[in-house]
Amino acid sequence: MARLAERYKLVFRWFDEDGDGKLSPSELRQRVGLTGGELLLKEAEVMVESLDSDGDGLLCLEDFVGFMEGGGEEEKMGDLREAFGMYVTDECEFITPKSLKRMLSRLGQSKTADECEAMIGHFDLDGDGMISFDEFKVMMV
């Protein structure tokens, strides 16, 4: 358990770009971007607001660890299924370049089909050009 706490601390320090011991929404957004992911500033702000325990608009290490360990497995799976569902269509239970492009457009991010294919390629473990729920889980953990 102590090893896990140290890992959380290392990850937190990496996210804490300015070294002030707090994570701002912009730090979260930028660091997620460096890992190949995409997090809109508004999404980061909502995340921080929901996790911020002292109301200062920033995440401390304890907030971050709580997020990493928070909720039961069932709750986490439900949240992941809900998030995954935002990207899939009724015709297909996978995230496709087309469905990713559509969702990003709704979120105010304009991406080309090629850019969406490249984004999917980062996490497409079986090489089928789509993200399954299992691949989505790996990507989010």
Protein backbone atom coordinates (compact mmCIF):
# COMPACT_ATOMS: atom_id res chain seq x y z
CA MET A 1 0.00 0.00 0.00
CA ALA A 2 2.88 2.36 0.77
CA ARG A 3 4.24 1.71 -2.73
CA LEU A 4 0.93 2.68 -4.27
CA ALA A 5 0.84 5.90 -2.23
CA GLU A 6 4.34 6.73 -3.50
CA ARG A 7 3.23 6.13 -7.08
CA TYR A 8 0.24 8.43 -6.61
CA LYS A 9 2.59 11.05 -5.21
CA LEU A 10 4.94 10.73 -8.21
CA VAL A 11 2.06 11.02 -10.67
CA PHE A 12 0.68 13.99 -8.73
CA ARG A 13 4.07 15.73 -8.86
CA TRP A 14 4.25 15.14 -12.60
CA PHE A 15 0.81 16.73 -13.06
CA ASP A 16 1.78 19.61 -10.73
CA GLU A 17 3.71 21.52 -13.34
CA ASP A 18 4.36 24.64 -11.24
CA GLY A 19 5.27 22.66 -8.11
CA ASP A 20 2.82 24.47 -5.83
CA GLY A 21 1.35 21.26 -4.38
CA LYS A 22 -1.99 21.83 -6.11
CA LEU A 23 -3.41 20.82 -9.49
CA SER A 24 -5.26 23.43 -11.51
CA PRO A 25 -7.67 22.59 -14.33
CA SER A 26 -5.15 23.92 -16.86
CA GLU A 27 -2.38 21.68 -15.45
CA LEU A 28 -4.68 18.66 -15.73
CA ARG A 29 -5.62 19.56 -19.28
CA GLN A 30 -2.04 20.14 -20.39
CA ARG A 31 -0.62 16.99 -18.79
CA VAL A 32 -3.41 14.76 -20.11
CA GLY A 33 -2.60 16.21 -23.54
CA LEU A 34 1.05 15.25 -23.14
CA THR A 35 0.03 11.64 -22.61
CA GLY A 36 -1.84 11.62 -25.92
CA GLY A 37 -5.24 12.12 -24.35
CA GLU A 38 -7.54 15.05 -24.70
CA LEU A 39 -9.27 16.89 -21.91
CA LEU A 40 -11.14 20.09 -22.60
CA LEU A 41 -10.57 22.91 -20.13
CA LYS A 42 -14.28 22.89 -19.24
CA GLU A 43 -14.10 19.14 -18.51
CA ALA A 44 -11.03 19.70 -16.31
CA GLU A 45 -12.82 22.51 -14.47
CA VAL A 46 -15.85 20.31 -13.80
CA MET A 47 -13.58 17.49 -12.62
CA VAL A 48 -11.67 19.76 -10.23
CA GLU A 49 -14.88 21.30 -8.92
CA SER A 50 -16.34 17.88 -8.16
CA LEU A 51 -13.20 16.63 -6.38
CA ASP A 52 -11.98 19.80 -4.63
CA SER A 53 -12.36 19.20 -0.88
CA ASP A 54 -11.45 22.68 0.39
CA GLY A 55 -13.19 24.84 -2.23
CA ASP A 56 -10.06 26.62 -3.49
CA GLY A 57 -10.61 25.50 -7.10
CA LEU A 58 -7.52 23.28 -7.04
CA LEU A 59 -6.78 19.64 -6.23
CA CYS A 60 -4.41 18.80 -3.40
CA LEU A 61 -2.65 15.44 -3.13
CA GLU A 62 -5.43 14.05 -0.92
CA ASP A 63 -8.09 15.03 -3.49
CA PHE A 64 -6.03 13.38 -6.22
CA VAL A 65 -5.52 10.17 -4.24
CA GLY A 66 -9.24 10.14 -3.40
CA PHE A 67 -10.00 10.35 -7.10
CA MET A 68 -7.54 7.57 -7.92
CA GLU A 69 -8.93 5.29 -5.23
CA GLY A 70 -12.48 6.63 -5.06
CA GLY A 71 -15.68 4.76 -5.54
CA GLY A 72 -16.28 1.07 -5.61
CA GLU A 73 -15.50 -1.01 -8.67
CA GLU A 74 -19.17 -1.16 -9.60
CA GLU A 75 -19.46 2.63 -9.48
CA LYS A 76 -16.30 3.04 -11.55
CA MET A 77 -17.58 0.60 -14.17
CA GLY A 78 -20.88 2.45 -14.32
CA ASP A 79 -19.09 5.77 -14.79
CA LEU A 80 -16.87 4.28 -17.49
CA ARG A 81 -19.87 2.75 -19.30
CA GLU A 82 -21.63 6.12 -19.20
CA ALA A 83 -18.58 7.94 -20.57
CA PHE A 84 -18.06 5.26 -23.24
CA GLY A 85 -21.73 5.54 -24.22
CA MET A 86 -21.26 9.21 -25.05
CA TYR A 87 -18.96 8.24 -27.92
CA VAL A 88 -20.78 5.27 -29.45
CA THR A 89 -23.81 5.22 -31.74
CA ASP A 90 -26.83 2.97 -31.77
CA GLU A 91 -25.50 1.13 -34.80
CA CYS A 92 -22.15 0.25 -33.26
CA GLU A 93 -20.93 -0.53 -29.75
CA PHE A 94 -17.43 0.78 -30.51
CA ILE A 95 -15.84 4.21 -30.66
CA THR A 96 -15.14 4.76 -34.33
CA PRO A 97 -13.28 7.67 -35.92
CA LYS A 98 -16.65 9.00 -37.09
CA SER A 99 -18.28 8.80 -33.63
CA LEU A 100 -15.19 10.32 -32.00
CA LYS A 101 -15.24 13.19 -34.51
CA ARG A 102 -18.95 13.76 -33.81
CA MET A 103 -18.50 13.84 -30.03
CA LEU A 104 -15.44 16.08 -30.16
CA SER A 105 -17.37 18.44 -32.41
CA ARG A 106 -20.16 18.57 -29.81
CA LEU A 107 -17.52 19.43 -27.22
CA GLY A 108 -16.20 22.28 -29.37
CA GLN A 109 -13.12 20.47 -30.71
CA SER A 110 -12.88 20.31 -34.49
CA LYS A 111 -10.82 17.32 -35.66
CA THR A 112 -10.37 15.77 -39.08
CA ALA A 113 -11.18 12.13 -39.73
CA ASP A 114 -7.44 11.44 -40.02
CA GLU A 115 -6.78 13.05 -36.63
CA CYS A 116 -9.54 10.95 -35.07
CA GLU A 117 -8.09 7.80 -36.63
CA ALA A 118 -4.69 8.69 -35.18
CA MET A 119 -6.20 9.31 -31.73
CA ILE A 120 -7.94 5.94 -31.84
CA GLY A 121 -4.75 4.30 -33.06
CA HIS A 122 -3.02 5.17 -29.77
CA PHE A 123 -5.40 2.94 -27.80
CA ASP A 124 -6.63 0.42 -30.39
CA LEU A 125 -5.05 -2.71 -28.92
CA ASP A 126 -6.42 -5.21 -31.44
CA GLY A 127 -5.84 -3.07 -34.54
CA ASP A 128 -9.44 -3.06 -35.76
CA GLY A 129 -9.58 0.73 -36.08
CA MET A 130 -12.12 1.10 -33.26
CA ILE A 131 -12.10 1.33 -29.47
CA SER A 132 -14.03 -1.38 -27.64
CA PHE A 133 -15.21 -0.93 -24.06
CA ASP A 134 -12.30 -3.09 -22.85
CA GLU A 135 -9.81 -0.88 -24.72
CA PHE A 136 -11.58 2.19 -23.34
CA LYS A 137 -11.15 0.84 -19.80
CA VAL A 138 -7.42 0.36 -20.39
CA MET A 139 -7.15 3.86 -21.80
CA MET A 140 -8.93 5.40 -18.80
CA VAL A 141 -7.00 3.55 -16.09
